[in-house]
C-alpha atoms as a PDB file:
ATOM      1  CA  THR A   1      24.748  17.670  -1.323  1.00  0.00           C
ATOM      2  CA  ASP A   2      22.075  14.460  -1.075  1.00  0.00           C
ATOM      3  CA  LYS A   3      24.878  12.549  -3.078  1.00  0.00           C
ATOM      4  CA  ASP A   4      27.702  13.480  -0.986  1.00  0.00           C
ATOM      5  CA  SER A   5      25.636  12.574   2.087  1.00  0.00           C
ATOM      6  CA  ASP A   6      24.599   9.469   0.878  1.00  0.00           C
ATOM      7  CA  MET A   7      28.448   8.611  -0.219  1.00  0.00           C
ATOM      8  CA  ALA A   8      29.636   9.434   3.597  1.00  0.00           C
ATOM      9  CA  TRP A   9      26.795   6.782   4.791  1.00  0.00           C
ATOM     10  CA  ARG A  10      28.059   4.176   2.502  1.00  0.00           C
ATOM     11  CA  ILE A  11      31.804   4.905   3.533  1.00  0.00           C
ATOM     12  CA  ILE A  12      30.597   4.510   6.970  1.00  0.00           C
ATOM     13  CA  LEU A  13      28.693   1.452   6.337  1.00  0.00           C
ATOM     14  CA  PHE A  14      31.846  -0.256   4.501  1.00  0.00           C
ATOM     15  CA  PHE A  15      34.207   0.263   7.627  1.00  0.00           C
ATOM     16  CA  LEU A  16      31.376  -0.677  10.202  1.00  0.00           C
ATOM     17  CA  GLY A  17      31.181  -3.848   7.833  1.00  0.00           C
ATOM     18  CA  LEU A  18      34.978  -4.180   7.870  1.00  0.00           C
ATOM     19  CA  CYS A  19      34.398  -4.606  12.047  1.00  0.00           C
ATOM     20  CA  GLY A  20      31.823  -7.117  11.521  1.00  0.00           C
ATOM     21  CA  VAL A  21      29.108  -4.907  12.739  1.00  0.00           C
ATOM     22  CA  GLU A  22      25.657  -5.504  10.919  1.00  0.00           C
ATOM     23  CA  THR A  23      24.025  -1.949  10.957  1.00  0.00           C
ATOM     24  CA  VAL A  24      20.620  -0.710   9.491  1.00  0.00           C
ATOM     25  CA  PHE A  25      22.191   0.482   6.580  1.00  0.00           C
ATOM     26  CA  GLY A  26      23.351  -2.864   5.677  1.00  0.00           C
ATOM     27  CA  GLN A  27      19.683  -4.100   5.748  1.00  0.00           C
ATOM     28  CA  THR A  28      18.496  -1.351   3.460  1.00  0.00           C
ATOM     29  CA  ASP A  29      21.581  -2.195   0.918  1.00  0.00           C
ATOM     30  CA  SER A  30      19.959  -5.623   1.012  1.00  0.00           C
ATOM     31  CA  VAL A  31      16.714  -4.859   0.335  1.00  0.00           C
ATOM     32  CA  ALA A  32      17.875  -2.425  -2.406  1.00  0.00           C
ATOM     33  CA  VAL A  33      20.079  -5.169  -3.902  1.00  0.00           C
ATOM     34  CA  ARG A  34      17.003  -7.433  -3.980  1.00  0.00           C
ATOM     35  CA  LEU A  35      14.752  -5.229  -5.529  1.00  0.00           C
ATOM     36  CA  GLN A  36      17.349  -4.573  -8.164  1.00  0.00           C
ATOM     37  CA  GLN A  37      17.531  -8.294  -8.704  1.00  0.00           C
ATOM     38  CA  VAL A  38      14.243  -8.805  -9.127  1.00  0.00           C
ATOM     39  CA  LYS A  39      14.144  -5.945 -11.856  1.00  0.00           C
ATOM     40  CA  LEU A  40      16.770  -7.934 -13.709  1.00  0.00           C
ATOM     41  CA  ALA A  41      15.898 -11.446 -13.605  1.00  0.00           C
ATOM     42  CA  GLU A  42      14.954 -13.264 -16.585  1.00  0.00           C
ATOM     43  CA  ASN A  43      12.368 -16.032 -14.753  1.00  0.00           C
ATOM     44  CA  ASP A  44       9.460 -15.567 -12.780  1.00  0.00           C
ATOM     45  CA  SER A  45      11.000 -18.333  -9.996  1.00  0.00           C
ATOM     46  CA  VAL A  46      14.431 -16.062  -9.642  1.00  0.00           C
ATOM     47  CA  ARG A  47      12.074 -12.954  -9.072  1.00  0.00           C
ATOM     48  CA  LEU A  48      10.094 -14.520  -6.555  1.00  0.00           C
ATOM     49  CA  LYS A  49      12.968 -16.070  -4.468  1.00  0.00           C
ATOM     50  CA  TYR A  50      14.786 -12.704  -4.309  1.00  0.00           C
ATOM     51  CA  ALA A  51      11.332 -11.038  -3.580  1.00  0.00           C
ATOM     52  CA  ASP A  52      10.481 -13.204  -0.698  1.00  0.00           C
ATOM     53  CA  GLU A  53      13.864 -12.473   0.959  1.00  0.00           C
ATOM     54  CA  ILE A  54      12.716  -8.778   1.660  1.00  0.00           C
ATOM     55  CA  SER A  55      10.603  -8.992   4.592  1.00  0.00           C
ATOM     56  CA  GLY A  56      13.527 -10.989   6.416  1.00  0.00           C
ATOM     57  CA  TYR A  57      16.078  -7.715   5.924  1.00  0.00           C
ATOM     58  CA  LEU A  58      13.147  -5.401   6.744  1.00  0.00           C
ATOM     59  CA  GLU A  59      12.314  -7.276  10.511  1.00  0.00           C
ATOM     60  CA  LYS A  60      15.969  -6.406  11.255  1.00  0.00           C
ATOM     61  CA  ILE A  61      15.526  -2.662  10.869  1.00  0.00           C
ATOM     62  CA  PRO A  62      14.099  -1.339  14.308  1.00  0.00           C
ATOM     63  CA  TYR A  63      10.584   0.167  13.872  1.00  0.00           C
ATOM     64  CA  GLY A  64      10.623   3.592  12.941  1.00  0.00           C
ATOM     65  CA  GLN A  65      14.315   3.649  11.670  1.00  0.00           C
ATOM     66  CA  TYR A  66      13.225   3.352   8.274  1.00  0.00           C
ATOM     67  CA  ALA A  67      11.814   6.622   7.808  1.00  0.00           C
ATOM     68  CA  GLN A  68      14.799   8.480   8.810  1.00  0.00           C
ATOM     69  CA  LEU A  69      17.100   6.681   5.796  1.00  0.00           C
ATOM     70  CA  PRO A  70      17.513   7.268   2.399  1.00  0.00           C
ATOM     71  CA  ALA A  71      14.497   5.768   0.425  1.00  0.00           C
ATOM     72  CA  VAL A  72      14.953   2.522  -1.415  1.00  0.00           C
ATOM     73  CA  GLN A  73      14.135   2.565  -5.145  1.00  0.00           C
ATOM     74  CA  PHE A  74      10.744   0.658  -5.862  1.00  0.00           C
ATOM     75  CA  LEU A  75       9.968  -0.211  -2.137  1.00  0.00           C
ATOM     76  CA  GLY A  76       6.891   1.907  -1.100  1.00  0.00           C
ATOM     77  CA  TYR A  77       6.856   3.042   2.812  1.00  0.00           C
ATOM     78  CA  ARG A  78       4.071   4.645   4.641  1.00  0.00           C
ATOM     79  CA  LYS A  79       3.774   5.243   8.512  1.00  0.00           C
ATOM     80  CA  CYS A  80       0.362   5.410   9.627  1.00  0.00           C
ATOM     81  CA  VAL A  81      -0.766   8.871  10.641  1.00  0.00           C
ATOM     82  CA  ASN A  82      -2.914   8.078  13.785  1.00  0.00           C
ATOM     83  CA  ASP A  83      -0.951   4.838  15.196  1.00  0.00           C
ATOM     84  CA  ASP A  84       2.548   3.387  15.669  1.00  0.00           C
ATOM     85  CA  ALA A  85       2.491   1.232  12.754  1.00  0.00           C
ATOM     86  CA  GLU A  86       4.302   1.317   9.579  1.00  0.00           C
ATOM     87  CA  LEU A  87       3.718  -0.353   5.951  1.00  0.00           C
ATOM     88  CA  PHE A  88       6.317  -1.564   3.462  1.00  0.00           C
ATOM     89  CA  SER A  89       5.150  -2.636  -0.214  1.00  0.00           C
ATOM     90  CA  TRP A  90       6.894  -3.945  -3.340  1.00  0.00           C
ATOM     91  CA  THR A  91       5.805  -5.453  -6.519  1.00  0.00           C
ATOM     92  CA  VAL A  92       7.247  -8.345  -8.452  1.00  0.00           C
ATOM     93  CA  PRO A  93       6.058  -8.407 -12.328  1.00  0.00           C
ATOM     94  CA  LEU A  94       5.644 -11.688 -13.494  1.00  0.00           C
ATOM     95  CA  GLN A  95       5.138 -13.368 -17.231  1.00  0.00           C
ATOM     96  CA  GLN A  96       1.563 -13.610 -16.109  1.00  0.00           C
ATOM     97  CA  GLY A  97       0.243 -10.753 -13.854  1.00  0.00           C
ATOM     98  CA  GLN A  98       2.058  -9.328 -11.015  1.00  0.00           C
ATOM     99  CA  MET A  99       2.790 -10.449  -7.436  1.00  0.00           C
ATOM    100  CA  PHE A 100       2.196  -7.943  -4.676  1.00  0.00           C
ATOM    101  CA  TYR A 101       3.850  -7.660  -0.911  1.00  0.00           C
ATOM    102  CA  ASN A 102       2.418  -5.899   1.755  1.00  0.00           C
ATOM    103  CA  TRP A 103       4.486  -5.901   5.298  1.00  0.00           C
ATOM    104  CA  PHE A 104       2.689  -4.286   8.047  1.00  0.00           C
ATOM    105  CA  ARG A 105       4.504  -3.776  11.590  1.00  0.00           C
ATOM    106  CA  PHE A 106       3.229  -2.422  14.700  1.00  0.00           C
ATOM    107  CA  LYS A 107       5.750  -0.911  17.237  1.00  0.00           C
ATOM    108  CA  GLU A 108       3.557  -2.312  20.187  1.00  0.00           C
ATOM    109  CA  GLY A 109       4.563  -6.004  20.839  1.00  0.00           C
ATOM    110  CA  ASN A 110       6.734  -5.661  17.561  1.00  0.00           C
ATOM    111  CA  ARG A 111       3.624  -7.419  15.555  1.00  0.00           C
ATOM    112  CA  SER A 112       3.811  -7.709  11.864  1.00  0.00           C
ATOM    113  CA  TYR A 113       1.522  -8.918   9.374  1.00  0.00           C
ATOM    114  CA  TYR A 114       2.508 -10.346   5.839  1.00  0.00           C
ATOM    115  CA  LEU A 115       0.383 -10.171   2.912  1.00  0.00           C
ATOM    116  CA  LYS A 116       1.489 -11.963  -0.727  1.00  0.00           C
ATOM    117  CA  SER A 117      -1.405 -12.073  -3.133  1.00  0.00           C
ATOM    118  CA  LEU A 118      -1.064 -12.786  -6.856  1.00  0.00           C
ATOM    119  CA  SER A 119      -2.853 -10.414  -9.262  1.00  0.00           C
ATOM    120  CA  THR A 120      -3.900 -12.078 -12.705  1.00  0.00           C
ATOM    121  CA  ALA A 121      -6.861 -11.806 -15.018  1.00  0.00           C
ATOM    122  CA  GLU A 122      -7.827 -15.451 -13.717  1.00  0.00           C
ATOM    123  CA  CYS A 123      -8.008 -14.474 -10.066  1.00  0.00           C
ATOM    124  CA  GLU A 124     -11.685 -14.697  -8.351  1.00  0.00           C
ATOM    125  CA  ARG A 125     -10.676 -11.845  -6.013  1.00  0.00           C
ATOM    126  CA  PRO A 126      -8.457  -9.007  -6.770  1.00  0.00           C
ATOM    127  CA  ALA A 127      -4.994  -8.857  -5.119  1.00  0.00           C
ATOM    128  CA  TRP A 128      -3.992  -5.250  -3.932  1.00  0.00           C
ATOM    129  CA  LEU A 129      -0.685  -3.293  -3.280  1.00  0.00           C
ATOM    130  CA  TYR A 130      -1.378  -1.097  -0.499  1.00  0.00           C
ATOM    131  CA  TYR A 131       0.025   2.542   0.140  1.00  0.00           C
ATOM    132  CA  ASP A 132      -1.643   3.772   2.857  1.00  0.00           C
ATOM    133  CA  PHE A 133      -3.738   3.107   5.985  1.00  0.00           C
ATOM    134  CA  ILE A 134      -5.663   4.818   8.687  1.00  0.00           C
ATOM    135  CA  ARG A 135      -6.645   3.350  12.036  1.00  0.00           C
ATOM    136  CA  PHE A 136     -10.014   3.926  13.570  1.00  0.00           C
ATOM    137  CA  GLU A 137     -12.492   2.664  16.418  1.00  0.00           C
ATOM    138  CA  ASN A 138     -15.892   0.944  16.374  1.00  0.00           C
ATOM    139  CA  GLN A 139     -17.437  -0.447  19.391  1.00  0.00           C
ATOM    140  CA  LYS A 140     -14.084  -0.259  21.172  1.00  0.00           C
ATOM    141  CA  THR A 141     -12.238  -2.659  18.503  1.00  0.00           C
ATOM    142  CA  VAL A 142      -9.613  -1.446  16.402  1.00  0.00           C
ATOM    143  CA  TYR A 143      -9.827  -1.367  12.659  1.00  0.00           C
ATOM    144  CA  PHE A 144      -7.917   0.060   9.923  1.00  0.00           C
ATOM    145  CA  VAL A 145      -8.930   1.585   6.320  1.00  0.00           C
ATOM    146  CA  LEU A 146      -6.506   0.416   3.528  1.00  0.00           C
ATOM    147  CA  LEU A 147      -5.881   2.371   0.366  1.00  0.00           C
ATOM    148  CA  GLY A 148      -4.924   0.201  -2.517  1.00  0.00           C
ATOM    149  CA  TRP A 149      -4.105  -0.127  -6.274  1.00  0.00           C
ATOM    150  CA  ASN A 150      -3.682  -2.554  -9.034  1.00  0.00           C
ATOM    151  CA  ARG A 151      -4.022  -3.022 -12.712  1.00  0.00           C
ATOM    152  CA  THR A 152      -5.752  -5.332 -15.031  1.00  0.00           C
ATOM    153  CA  ARG A 153      -4.882  -5.396 -18.980  1.00  0.00           C
ATOM    154  CA  ASN A 154      -7.180  -2.751 -19.807  1.00  0.00           C
ATOM    155  CA  SER A 155      -7.672  -0.455 -16.784  1.00  0.00           C
ATOM    156  CA  ASN A 156      -6.349   0.777 -13.363  1.00  0.00           C
ATOM    157  CA  ARG A 157      -8.091   0.008 -10.187  1.00  0.00           C
ATOM    158  CA  LYS A 158      -8.136   1.595  -6.637  1.00  0.00           C
ATOM    159  CA  ILE A 159      -9.928   0.490  -3.401  1.00  0.00           C
ATOM    160  CA  VAL A 160     -10.788   1.364   0.083  1.00  0.00           C
ATOM    161  CA  GLN A 161     -10.964  -1.729   2.329  1.00  0.00           C
ATOM    162  CA  ILE A 162     -11.869  -1.899   6.115  1.00  0.00           C
ATOM    163  CA  CYS A 163      -9.796  -4.650   7.814  1.00  0.00           C
ATOM    164  CA  ARG A 164      -8.678  -5.907  11.203  1.00  0.00           C
ATOM    165  CA  PHE A 165      -5.405  -7.077  12.181  1.00  0.00           C
ATOM    166  CA  GLN A 166      -6.322  -9.959  14.409  1.00  0.00           C
ATOM    167  CA  PRO A 167      -4.148 -11.349  17.243  1.00  0.00           C
ATOM    168  CA  ASP A 168      -3.574 -14.508  15.681  1.00  0.00           C
ATOM    169  CA  GLY A 169      -1.623 -12.866  13.190  1.00  0.00           C
ATOM    170  CA  SER A 170      -3.990 -13.210  10.240  1.00  0.00           C
ATOM    171  CA  ILE A 171      -5.953 -10.101   8.530  1.00  0.00           C
ATOM    172  CA  SER A 172      -9.735  -9.977   8.168  1.00  0.00           C
ATOM    173  CA  PHE A 173     -11.652  -7.897   5.801  1.00  0.00           C
ATOM    174  CA  ASP A 174     -15.255  -8.637   5.989  1.00  0.00           C
ATOM    175  CA  HIS A 175     -16.390  -5.772   8.514  1.00  0.00           C
ATOM    176  CA  LYS A 176     -19.041  -3.466   6.733  1.00  0.00           C
ATOM    177  CA  LEU A 177     -18.510  -0.181   8.415  1.00  0.00           C
ATOM    178  CA  MET A 178     -18.942   1.989   5.360  1.00  0.00           C
ATOM    179  CA  ARG A 179     -22.123   3.536   4.563  1.00  0.00           C
ATOM    180  CA  ARG A 180     -23.923   5.065   1.673  1.00  0.00           C
ATOM    181  CA  LYS A 181     -27.405   5.953   2.219  1.00  0.00           C
ATOM    182  CA  ASN A 182     -29.038   2.988   3.688  1.00  0.00           C
ATOM    183  CA  SER A 183     -26.573   0.235   2.513  1.00  0.00           C
ATOM    184  CA  ARG A 184     -23.259  -0.728   3.935  1.00  0.00           C
ATOM    185  CA  SER A 185     -20.226  -2.435   2.587  1.00  0.00           C
ATOM    186  CA  ALA A 186     -16.655  -3.389   3.670  1.00  0.00           C
ATOM    187  CA  SER A 187     -14.944  -2.164   0.635  1.00  0.00           C
ATOM    188  CA  LEU A 188     -15.314   0.675  -2.151  1.00  0.00           C
ATOM    189  CA  SER A 189     -14.002   0.027  -5.293  1.00  0.00           C
ATOM    190  CA  PHE A 190     -12.816   2.132  -8.637  1.00  0.00           C
ATOM    191  CA  GLU A 191     -11.762   1.324 -11.857  1.00  0.00           C
ATOM    192  CA  TYR A 192     -10.481   3.932 -14.820  1.00  0.00           C
ATOM    193  CA  ALA A 193      -8.240   4.286 -17.974  1.00  0.00           C
ATOM    194  CA  LEU A 194      -4.692   2.642 -17.980  1.00  0.00           C
ATOM    195  CA  ASP A 195      -3.087   5.710 -18.878  1.00  0.00           C
ATOM    196  CA  GLY A 196      -5.233   7.809 -16.337  1.00  0.00           C
ATOM    197  CA  SER A 197      -4.769   8.455 -12.877  1.00  0.00           C
ATOM    198  CA  MET A 198      -7.034   8.838  -9.640  1.00  0.00           C
ATOM    199  CA  MET A 199      -6.595  10.797  -6.432  1.00  0.00           C
ATOM    200  CA  LEU A 200      -7.508   8.723  -3.634  1.00  0.00           C
ATOM    201  CA  LYS A 201      -5.873   9.926  -0.259  1.00  0.00           C
ATOM    202  CA  GLN A 202      -6.821  10.555   3.473  1.00  0.00           C
ATOM    203  CA  ASP A 203      -7.211  14.059   4.518  1.00  0.00           C
ATOM    204  CA  LYS A 204      -7.920  15.671   7.858  1.00  0.00           C
ATOM    205  CA  LYS A 205      -5.524  13.672  10.071  1.00  0.00           C
ATOM    206  CA  GLY A 206      -7.244  10.089   9.296  1.00  0.00           C
ATOM    207  CA  LYS A 207     -10.777  11.778   9.769  1.00  0.00           C
ATOM    208  CA  ARG A 208     -11.674  11.885   5.761  1.00  0.00           C
ATOM    209  CA  ILE A 209     -10.788   9.983   2.420  1.00  0.00           C
ATOM    210  CA  ILE A 210     -11.316  12.160  -0.323  1.00  0.00           C
ATOM    211  CA  PHE A 211     -11.224  11.124  -4.165  1.00  0.00           C
ATOM    212  CA  ASP A 212     -11.893  11.819  -7.698  1.00  0.00           C
ATOM    213  CA  HIS A 213     -15.581  11.274  -8.968  1.00  0.00           C
ATOM    214  CA  LEU A 214     -15.124   9.309 -11.986  1.00  0.00           C
ATOM    215  CA  ALA A 215     -16.926   9.451 -15.251  1.00  0.00           C
ATOM    216  CA  PRO A 216     -17.046   8.208 -18.610  1.00  0.00           C
ATOM    217  CA  ILE A 217     -15.041  10.392 -21.262  1.00  0.00           C
ATOM    218  CA  ASP A 218     -17.998   9.983 -23.203  1.00  0.00           C
ATOM    219  CA  LYS A 219     -21.802   9.083 -22.460  1.00  0.00           C
ATOM    220  CA  LYS A 220     -21.516   6.067 -25.350  1.00  0.00           C
ATOM    221  CA  TYR A 221     -18.879   4.527 -22.785  1.00  0.00           C
ATOM    222  CA  GLU A 222     -21.222   4.171 -19.872  1.00  0.00           C
ATOM    223  CA  GLY A 223     -20.233   1.314 -17.932  1.00  0.00           C
ATOM    224  CA  TYR A 224     -16.677   0.594 -20.086  1.00  0.00           C
ATOM    225  CA  TYR A 225     -14.545   1.643 -17.042  1.00  0.00           C
ATOM    226  CA  MET A 226     -11.433   1.719 -19.450  1.00  0.00           C
ATOM    227  CA  PHE A 227     -12.774   4.990 -20.882  1.00  0.00           C
ATOM    228  CA  TYR A 228     -13.562   6.579 -17.280  1.00  0.00           C
ATOM    229  CA  GLY A 229     -11.246   9.255 -15.679  1.00  0.00           C
ATOM    230  CA  PRO A 230     -11.843  12.454 -13.097  1.00  0.00           C
ATOM    231  CA  ASP A 231     -14.667  14.831 -13.650  1.00  0.00           C
ATOM    232  CA  ALA A 232     -13.072  17.578 -11.775  1.00  0.00           C
ATOM    233  CA  SER A 233     -15.533  16.860  -8.808  1.00  0.00           C
ATOM    234  CA  TYR A 234     -14.667  15.131  -5.746  1.00  0.00           C
ATOM    235  CA  ASP A 235     -16.346  12.654  -3.323  1.00  0.00           C
ATOM    236  CA  ALA A 236     -15.156  11.484   0.195  1.00  0.00           C
ATOM    237  CA  LEU A 237     -15.489   9.397   2.951  1.00  0.00           C
ATOM    238  CA  LEU A 238     -16.221  11.140   6.189  1.00  0.00           C
ATOM    239  CA  LEU A 239     -15.457   9.013   9.884  1.00  0.00           C
ATOM    240  CA  LYS A 240     -18.513   9.977  11.638  1.00  0.00           C
ATOM    241  CA  GLY A 241     -20.265   7.789  14.436  1.00  0.00           C
ATOM    242  CA  GLU A 242     -17.519   5.468  14.226  1.00  0.00           C
ATOM    243  CA  GLU A 243     -18.430   4.540  10.629  1.00  0.00           C
ATOM    244  CA  TRP A 244     -17.247   5.747   7.338  1.00  0.00           C
ATOM    245  CA  TRP A 245     -19.826   7.759   5.569  1.00  0.00           C
ATOM    246  CA  TYR A 246     -19.737   8.461   1.715  1.00  0.00           C
ATOM    247  CA  GLN A 247     -20.766  12.123   0.676  1.00  0.00           C
ATOM    248  CA  GLU A 248     -20.813  13.426  -2.493  1.00  0.00           C
ATOM    249  CA  ASN A 249     -19.618  16.795  -4.225  1.00  0.00           C
ATOM    250  CA  VAL A 250     -17.314  17.718  -1.583  1.00  0.00           C
ATOM    251  CA  LYS A 251     -14.638  20.378  -1.797  1.00  0.00           C
ATOM    252  CA  GLN A 252     -10.842  18.810  -2.108  1.00  0.00           C
END
């Protein structure tokens, strides 16, 4: 069984630890412990202290090996569908808002990019917890589409963002490579009910991003996004001519 297999690995890890051998399993165990400590901590400063240590343990796991291990609870993970890159993400609930952590790593050059951002009602720019990403090229420059989520006091939000992982270790976002008729944008955001759900995912091996079309549950709630939800139709972004084009009323 899965439990027996997991127990066997724990026993192996224990004996390797006695021999002074630092293992990949030891790093994932450390991540799991920190995330549990985040959950149980009673104040924000302690939560953030534990959460800040997680990327250090992830760095010690060789690229691509985490996908072969038992998943760590509360740790998001995604391997890029069309590039040698991976994403780890985790959240810290705070007394006022949340702290989002996104750690991207590329196999080439073992490059990594770290995004830590605070999400509160007072923040001018929303922070995002990313859960998927897709590589594409425009004029021989490599870009990525990021899919993310956050939550306000009254609603859920999701986003599609265009970014570039710069050689200096920064991430830039002002790349208007999405098109809807004659308009261009660098992002596309959605907002819907707090107790609702919305599909926003990639499809066709990185060539299409499909999502629920959102509408108010009643016309009188037009513009009040906490009353929005899927209306059983779908829209999409299609990669065409090195740009992402908005298409309405598509098949799932």
